[in-house]
Structures are given as structure tokens and as C-alpha cells.
């Protein structure tokens, strides 16, 4: 079968590899759609600290490079291994929750409690091994496979993984109806954060900070009260003006750069909450006196924590309309590098979510 194989930065090859067969406890899925994630792009540009190498195998998968990419994916069940729950049936459309953990319930408190996203050995299908969504077929443990509601297109199914990141972040923030918010960064996760916040309160003040004009337009279309370019106007001033000088209750860093976290901290009112959602390439500088004097709450989020079933019900109920608008390009697997990775390198500010199909 065809698969996108990752050999290292700048080296992704569409190759023929053996087609997998479902083992006991596994489900075989025919590739439907796969979104290109910011982490995939990061791996394309420079080595990932958590990824295997040609000589150092991944701690959990035991695999070395190359590995098959893809972790934001949906597809159709074509084979069911022994011992799998009878709720699964051939022909069902599904999505996959791609986190993998040590599952050592005797020694790992996180896995013992079910919160696999904070396992010290957390990794991902499609980055560390165990196959990946950018292949014609993948076999995944039934534990991480979720049935899509009837009439949910595979394209929407492929957006559930990044939407789950935003959903988890908003839950961790404690955001409630009537709260004001700042979202710093209107890439895919920032825009999904906006949609989750708007599902809770359609009218509260939400300020979006984003330098790319097209992404600001997306933010305004999907419910932002204000969308400003931080390179042209101080975002803290924008937030204070929009909130009567009080600041926001919640601030979400979806950019992962120093000016972003500075703006989030400066925009919070006393006892507000900042949620770190973006991955950081370099350590940030945070003034602890700002946190102390304003009694701020600072938290980070990693992926999602058993939210997929709940989220799928809410998507099916229409809580997050027009998700498909955030899909800005659709490409074939064969064109992954030229029309996917390279476009994101050269035209990142013009894209939100690129989906790959067979």
C-alpha cells in the first residue's frame, strides 16, 4: 500500500509498504481524510525531540525511522480483530484518538487514572510509530477508535483531533457564559478555540490577536468580537479598551512565542486564567511578580483527556457549525510534500487546515 514515510526534516517519501492486518484487539481502517498538523510541519522543518531516529528506537513503539506520518485522521472500518467490542462493525466511519502512553497502571499514575495525555512517555501514532493516518490502511487499538455519528462526513471526522485539543483547553480554563477572553494566535487551534468558546457564549467579548490578515478574517467570520494585528497595535491596549479597562477573564496562548505570552499576561484581569495551548520551541520568560500581584492562574494543556465521545456528540448536535469552512485546501496523498508541506512553509498565513485524501 502507499504511505507517507518520514525519514527526517525535509525528507518525506510516498512509498509502498506492506499492508497491515488487524491483530487481536485492533481495528483495520481504510484511509479517509487526514489533516496536516503543525507538529507534522515542525517535523518537516527540524527534528522533533520526541521522535525516534535511525538508531534510537521510540520508547513505546520500539520503531526507528522511517515512520508513517499522520495523526489527524478518519476512515472506514474494513476489518475487526479478535476480542474487539461488538459495537464496532465493518463499514462504520471512525476517527482515531492518536495518543499513546505506557499503560503501565502499576507504575504510572496518569495511565492508572485514565489520563493518558499526561503520561511521562506520551507520544502519538504517526510520529513515534504504530502506523499513521497518511497510509491507505492503518490498524489501531480499539481503545482509541471512535465511531463517527451518522451523516458526519469523513472530512469533519478528520478535524475532531485538533478540535479536541481546543475543547480540552477550554474545559481546563473554566470558561463559562459571560466570561471575556483573548486568543493569541488564529491558526487552526486558535480558530477551534474560538468555535468552542462561542458554543458556550455566542455574545461575550472575545479578542483575537493574529498578524495574518486572512486568519483575522476567518476569526471575525467565526465569532471574534475584535481581531487585531499585534504588529500594528498593542494587544493589551486593545483588550483593555474592549473590556472597559478591566482585562479578560481567560487568555489562551495559541502562538507559542514570547510576545504572545506577554500579551496574555498583560491582558488578564486579577484572578484571571492563562492557558498555554501552543507547543514552545524555546523557553519563555514569565515575570512571577505579575502572577503573584494579580493572583493569576497559569496552566498548560496537553492534547485531550477522554473527551472524544462527548465532543463527537456535541459536534453532531450542531454546537460547532461550519467547521468545514476552516478546511482551506484538499490534496491527494501523492501531493503531500509539494501541495501540503511546501505550501505551509511558503504560504502558511493563507492556510488554516489542509486535508489529505487517498
Foldseek 3Di string as FASTA:
>chain_A
DWFFWDQFAQDTDTDDDDDDDAAAQKWKFFFFKFWDDPVNLVRNHHPDPQEAAQPGAHPAPRDHPTATATQLTKGFTQDHYHPYDPVDDGGFIKHFQFKDAPCPLVPFVCNVVQQRLPHPSIDGDRGRHQHHSRGRMHMDRNVGIGTFPPPDDRVVSSCLQLLQLLLQQCVVQVDAEQFEEEEEEQAQNSQSVLLNNCLRYQDHAYEYEYQQPQSLVSNVVRRHPYYDHCVVDPLLVVLCVVVVNAATQEYEYADQDASRVVSRLSRHGQQHEYEYRHDHPDDYDDDVVSCVVSVYHYYYDGRHRPCSVVVSVCVVVVSRPPPVVLADEEEESNCCVPPNSVCCVVPVSNHHIYMYGD
